[in-house]
């Protein structure tokens, strides 16, 4: 499967505006910061199975 291009036609993954080279793969510092806050705030967390809460003793 070919990789998506990162050329002039690439779009910001958050707002779909054209990517700016200084902020790639985003269009601006604002979108870059929004993405970072999603990671830090666990906004990109994937569901998994529940952890066992019983302590082994």
PDB file of N, CA and C in Angstrom:
ATOM      1  N   UNK A   1       0.849  -1.175   0.000  1.00  0.00           N
ATOM      2  CA  UNK A   1       0.000   0.000   0.000  1.00  0.00           C
ATOM      3  C   UNK A   1       0.894   1.236   0.000  1.00  0.00           C
ATOM      4  N   UNK A   2       0.676   2.169  -0.899  1.00  0.00           N
ATOM      5  CA  UNK A   2       1.526   3.365  -0.953  1.00  0.00           C
ATOM      6  C   UNK A   2       1.283   4.280   0.235  1.00  0.00           C
ATOM      7  N   UNK A   3       2.342   4.948   0.665  1.00  0.00           N
ATOM      8  CA  UNK A   3       2.248   5.897   1.764  1.00  0.00           C
ATOM      9  C   UNK A   3       1.600   7.185   1.262  1.00  0.00           C
ATOM     10  N   UNK A   4       0.800   7.872   2.109  1.00  0.00           N
ATOM     11  CA  UNK A   4       0.217   9.144   1.688  1.00  0.00           C
ATOM     12  C   UNK A   4       1.309  10.182   1.465  1.00  0.00           C
ATOM     13  N   UNK A   5       1.100  11.037   0.510  1.00  0.00           N
ATOM     14  CA  UNK A   5       2.110  12.050   0.200  1.00  0.00           C
ATOM     15  C   UNK A   5       2.104  13.147   1.245  1.00  0.00           C
ATOM     16  N   UNK A   6       3.255  13.740   1.456  1.00  0.00           N
ATOM     17  CA  UNK A   6       3.391  14.864   2.380  1.00  0.00           C
ATOM     18  C   UNK A   6       3.759  16.117   1.597  1.00  0.00           C
ATOM     19  N   UNK A   7       3.380  16.148   0.340  1.00  0.00           N
ATOM     20  CA  UNK A   7       3.705  17.275  -0.521  1.00  0.00           C
ATOM     21  C   UNK A   7       2.778  18.452  -0.299  1.00  0.00           C
ATOM     22  N   UNK A   8       2.694  19.309  -1.297  1.00  0.00           N
ATOM     23  CA  UNK A   8       1.905  20.522  -1.213  1.00  0.00           C
ATOM     24  C   UNK A   8       0.420  20.238  -1.048  1.00  0.00           C
ATOM     25  N   UNK A   9      -0.037  19.056  -1.450  1.00  0.00           N
ATOM     26  CA  UNK A   9      -1.459  18.741  -1.355  1.00  0.00           C
ATOM     27  C   UNK A   9      -1.830  18.066  -0.040  1.00  0.00           C
ATOM     28  N   UNK A  10      -0.899  17.926   0.903  1.00  0.00           N
ATOM     29  CA  UNK A  10      -1.175  17.289   2.189  1.00  0.00           C
ATOM     30  C   UNK A  10      -2.073  18.196   3.024  1.00  0.00           C
ATOM     31  N   UNK A  11      -2.927  17.568   3.838  1.00  0.00           N
ATOM     32  CA  UNK A  11      -3.866  18.319   4.663  1.00  0.00           C
ATOM     33  C   UNK A  11      -3.612  18.052   6.142  1.00  0.00           C
ATOM     34  N   UNK A  12      -3.864  19.039   6.958  1.00  0.00           N
ATOM     35  CA  UNK A  12      -3.752  18.934   8.402  1.00  0.00           C
ATOM     36  C   UNK A  12      -4.728  17.857   8.884  1.00  0.00           C
ATOM     37  N   UNK A  13      -4.281  16.933   9.739  1.00  0.00           N
ATOM     38  CA  UNK A  13      -5.178  15.872  10.201  1.00  0.00           C
ATOM     39  C   UNK A  13      -6.307  16.373  11.105  1.00  0.00           C
ATOM     40  N   UNK A  14      -6.204  17.574  11.638  1.00  0.00           N
ATOM     41  CA  UNK A  14      -7.243  18.096  12.529  1.00  0.00           C
ATOM     42  C   UNK A  14      -8.265  18.969  11.815  1.00  0.00           C
ATOM     43  N   UNK A  15      -7.807  19.888  10.978  1.00  0.00           N
ATOM     44  CA  UNK A  15      -8.744  20.836  10.364  1.00  0.00           C
ATOM     45  C   UNK A  15      -8.799  20.750   8.841  1.00  0.00           C
ATOM     46  N   UNK A  16      -7.944  19.927   8.243  1.00  0.00           N
ATOM     47  CA  UNK A  16      -7.906  19.681   6.793  1.00  0.00           C
ATOM     48  C   UNK A  16      -7.381  20.864   5.974  1.00  0.00           C
ATOM     49  N   UNK A  17      -6.825  21.898   6.599  1.00  0.00           N
ATOM     50  CA  UNK A  17      -6.186  22.979   5.855  1.00  0.00           C
ATOM     51  C   UNK A  17      -4.828  22.500   5.352  1.00  0.00           C
ATOM     52  N   UNK A  18      -4.238  23.186   4.377  1.00  0.00           N
ATOM     53  CA  UNK A  18      -2.925  22.762   3.852  1.00  0.00           C
ATOM     54  C   UNK A  18      -1.842  22.782   4.941  1.00  0.00           C
ATOM     55  N   UNK A  19      -0.974  21.811   4.892  1.00  0.00           N
ATOM     56  CA  UNK A  19       0.126  21.689   5.851  1.00  0.00           C
ATOM     57  C   UNK A  19       1.162  22.775   5.595  1.00  0.00           C
ATOM     58  N   UNK A  20       1.676  23.349   6.685  1.00  0.00           N
ATOM     59  CA  UNK A  20       2.761  24.318   6.614  1.00  0.00           C
ATOM     60  C   UNK A  20       4.051  23.605   7.028  1.00  0.00           C
ATOM     61  N   UNK A  21       5.131  23.757   6.276  1.00  0.00           N
ATOM     62  CA  UNK A  21       6.370  23.028   6.568  1.00  0.00           C
ATOM     63  C   UNK A  21       6.893  23.225   7.989  1.00  0.00           C
ATOM     64  N   UNK A  22       6.724  24.411   8.563  1.00  0.00           N
ATOM     65  CA  UNK A  22       7.226  24.666   9.920  1.00  0.00           C
ATOM     66  C   UNK A  22       6.472  23.883  10.980  1.00  0.00           C
ATOM     67  N   UNK A  23       5.240  23.447  10.676  1.00  0.00           N
ATOM     68  CA  UNK A  23       4.399  22.774  11.662  1.00  0.00           C
ATOM     69  C   UNK A  23       3.975  21.376  11.233  1.00  0.00           C
ATOM     70  N   UNK A  24       4.600  20.833  10.193  1.00  0.00           N
ATOM     71  CA  UNK A  24       4.215  19.537   9.635  1.00  0.00           C
ATOM     72  C   UNK A  24       4.144  18.486  10.728  1.00  0.00           C
ATOM     73  N   UNK A  25       3.142  17.651  10.699  1.00  0.00           N
ATOM     74  CA  UNK A  25       2.115  17.455   9.675  1.00  0.00           C
ATOM     75  C   UNK A  25       0.871  18.314   9.885  1.00  0.00           C
ATOM     76  N   UNK A  26       0.995  19.397  10.649  1.00  0.00           N
ATOM     77  CA  UNK A  26      -0.144  20.275  10.923  1.00  0.00           C
ATOM     78  C   UNK A  26      -0.043  21.561  10.116  1.00  0.00           C
ATOM     79  N   UNK A  27      -1.118  22.358  10.189  1.00  0.00           N
ATOM     80  CA  UNK A  27      -1.146  23.601   9.422  1.00  0.00           C
ATOM     81  C   UNK A  27      -0.659  24.798  10.233  1.00  0.00           C
ATOM     82  N   UNK A  28      -0.673  24.672  11.563  1.00  0.00           N
ATOM     83  CA  UNK A  28      -0.321  25.807  12.412  1.00  0.00           C
ATOM     84  C   UNK A  28       0.110  25.323  13.793  1.00  0.00           C
ATOM     85  N   UNK A  29       0.641  26.239  14.571  1.00  0.00           N
ATOM     86  CA  UNK A  29       1.013  25.928  15.953  1.00  0.00           C
ATOM     87  C   UNK A  29      -0.236  25.573  16.759  1.00  0.00           C
ATOM     88  N   UNK A  30      -1.352  26.205  16.453  1.00  0.00           N
ATOM     89  CA  UNK A  30      -2.597  25.919  17.163  1.00  0.00           C
ATOM     90  C   UNK A  30      -3.027  24.474  17.017  1.00  0.00           C
ATOM     91  N   UNK A  31      -3.007  23.950  15.795  1.00  0.00           N
ATOM     92  CA  UNK A  31      -3.381  22.553  15.574  1.00  0.00           C
ATOM     93  C   UNK A  31      -2.348  21.615  16.195  1.00  0.00           C
ATOM     94  N   UNK A  32      -1.110  21.985  16.135  1.00  0.00           N
ATOM     95  CA  UNK A  32      -0.057  21.172  16.758  1.00  0.00           C
ATOM     96  C   UNK A  32      -0.294  21.083  18.268  1.00  0.00           C
ATOM     97  N   UNK A  33      -0.630  22.219  18.901  1.00  0.00           N
ATOM     98  CA  UNK A  33      -0.886  22.244  20.333  1.00  0.00           C
ATOM     99  C   UNK A  33      -2.151  21.468  20.698  1.00  0.00           C
ATOM    100  N   UNK A  34      -3.202  21.582  19.878  1.00  0.00           N
ATOM    101  CA  UNK A  34      -4.434  20.825  20.131  1.00  0.00           C
ATOM    102  C   UNK A  34      -4.160  19.331  20.124  1.00  0.00           C
ATOM    103  N   UNK A  35      -3.329  18.876  19.184  1.00  0.00           N
ATOM    104  CA  UNK A  35      -2.987  17.462  19.115  1.00  0.00           C
ATOM    105  C   UNK A  35      -2.210  17.032  20.359  1.00  0.00           C
ATOM    106  N   UNK A  36      -1.257  17.834  20.789  1.00  0.00           N
ATOM    107  CA  UNK A  36      -0.484  17.523  21.988  1.00  0.00           C
ATOM    108  C   UNK A  36      -1.394  17.432  23.209  1.00  0.00           C
ATOM    109  N   UNK A  37      -2.343  18.357  23.335  1.00  0.00           N
ATOM    110  CA  UNK A  37      -3.262  18.319  24.466  1.00  0.00           C
ATOM    111  C   UNK A  37      -4.138  17.076  24.442  1.00  0.00           C
ATOM    112  N   UNK A  38      -4.479  16.587  23.264  1.00  0.00           N
ATOM    113  CA  UNK A  38      -5.237  15.334  23.175  1.00  0.00           C
ATOM    114  C   UNK A  38      -4.419  14.173  23.731  1.00  0.00           C
ATOM    115  N   UNK A  39      -3.128  14.133  23.390  1.00  0.00           N
ATOM    116  CA  UNK A  39      -2.262  13.073  23.903  1.00  0.00           C
ATOM    117  C   UNK A  39      -2.091  13.190  25.413  1.00  0.00           C
ATOM    118  N   UNK A  40      -1.838  14.397  25.903  1.00  0.00           N
ATOM    119  CA  UNK A  40      -1.609  14.592  27.327  1.00  0.00           C
ATOM    120  C   UNK A  40      -2.867  14.353  28.156  1.00  0.00           C
ATOM    121  N   UNK A  41      -4.021  14.666  27.604  1.00  0.00           N
ATOM    122  CA  UNK A  41      -5.280  14.485  28.306  1.00  0.00           C
ATOM    123  C   UNK A  41      -5.914  13.133  28.065  1.00  0.00           C
ATOM    124  N   UNK A  42      -5.188  12.203  27.468  1.00  0.00           N
ATOM    125  CA  UNK A  42      -5.656  10.855  27.166  1.00  0.00           C
ATOM    126  C   UNK A  42      -6.854  10.846  26.222  1.00  0.00           C
ATOM    127  N   UNK A  43      -6.954  11.863  25.367  1.00  0.00           N
ATOM    128  CA  UNK A  43      -8.027  11.923  24.385  1.00  0.00           C
ATOM    129  C   UNK A  43      -7.896  10.874  23.294  1.00  0.00           C
ATOM    130  N   UNK A  44      -6.714  10.339  23.102  1.00  0.00           N
ATOM    131  CA  UNK A  44      -6.489   9.317  22.084  1.00  0.00           C
ATOM    132  C   UNK A  44      -6.411   7.921  22.710  1.00  0.00           C
ATOM    133  N   UNK A  45      -6.900   7.792  23.928  1.00  0.00           N
ATOM    134  CA  UNK A  45      -6.843   6.516  24.641  1.00  0.00           C
ATOM    135  C   UNK A  45      -7.705   5.470  23.926  1.00  0.00           C
ATOM    136  N   UNK A  46      -7.194   4.254  23.846  1.00  0.00           N
ATOM    137  CA  UNK A  46      -7.930   3.145  23.244  1.00  0.00           C
ATOM    138  C   UNK A  46      -8.540   2.285  24.341  1.00  0.00           C
ATOM    139  N   UNK A  47      -9.777   1.845  24.146  1.00  0.00           N
ATOM    140  CA  UNK A  47     -10.378   0.989  25.164  1.00  0.00           C
ATOM    141  C   UNK A  47      -9.681  -0.366  25.215  1.00  0.00           C
ATOM    142  N   UNK A  48      -9.623  -0.912  26.364  1.00  0.00           N
ATOM    143  CA  UNK A  48      -9.022  -2.230  26.549  1.00  0.00           C
ATOM    144  C   UNK A  48      -9.829  -3.003  27.567  1.00  0.00           C
ATOM    145  N   UNK A  49      -9.366  -4.183  27.874  1.00  0.00           N
ATOM    146  CA  UNK A  49     -10.110  -4.965  28.853  1.00  0.00           C
ATOM    147  C   UNK A  49      -9.844  -4.412  30.250  1.00  0.00           C
ATOM    148  N   UNK A  50     -10.786  -4.604  31.141  1.00  0.00           N
ATOM    149  CA  UNK A  50     -10.688  -4.082  32.496  1.00  0.00           C
ATOM    150  C   UNK A  50      -9.555  -4.776  33.242  1.00  0.00           C
ATOM    151  N   UNK A  51      -8.871  -4.009  34.069  1.00  0.00           N
ATOM    152  CA  UNK A  51      -7.791  -4.570  34.880  1.00  0.00           C
ATOM    153  C   UNK A  51      -8.376  -5.258  36.099  1.00  0.00           C
ATOM    154  N   UNK A  52      -7.717  -6.308  36.548  1.00  0.00           N
ATOM    155  CA  UNK A  52      -8.127  -7.022  37.749  1.00  0.00           C
ATOM    156  C   UNK A  52      -7.770  -6.165  38.960  1.00  0.00           C
ATOM    157  N   UNK A  53      -8.762  -5.844  39.793  1.00  0.00           N
ATOM    158  CA  UNK A  53      -8.509  -4.963  40.925  1.00  0.00           C
ATOM    159  C   UNK A  53      -8.153  -5.715  42.203  1.00  0.00           C
ATOM    160  N   UNK A  54      -8.232  -7.039  42.185  1.00  0.00           N
ATOM    161  CA  UNK A  54      -7.867  -7.817  43.371  1.00  0.00           C
ATOM    162  C   UNK A  54      -6.353  -7.829  43.552  1.00  0.00           C
ATOM    163  N   UNK A  55      -5.939  -7.633  44.781  1.00  0.00           N
ATOM    164  CA  UNK A  55      -4.502  -7.698  45.086  1.00  0.00           C
ATOM    165  C   UNK A  55      -4.112  -9.131  45.370  1.00  0.00           C
ATOM    166  N   UNK A  56      -2.964  -9.501  44.834  1.00  0.00           N
ATOM    167  CA  UNK A  56      -2.449 -10.839  45.121  1.00  0.00           C
ATOM    168  C   UNK A  56      -1.785 -10.826  46.481  1.00  0.00           C
ATOM    169  N   UNK A  57      -2.042 -11.846  47.289  1.00  0.00           N
ATOM    170  CA  UNK A  57      -1.481 -11.791  48.627  1.00  0.00           C
ATOM    171  C   UNK A  57      -0.945 -13.016  49.152  1.00  0.00           C
TER     172      UNK A  57
END
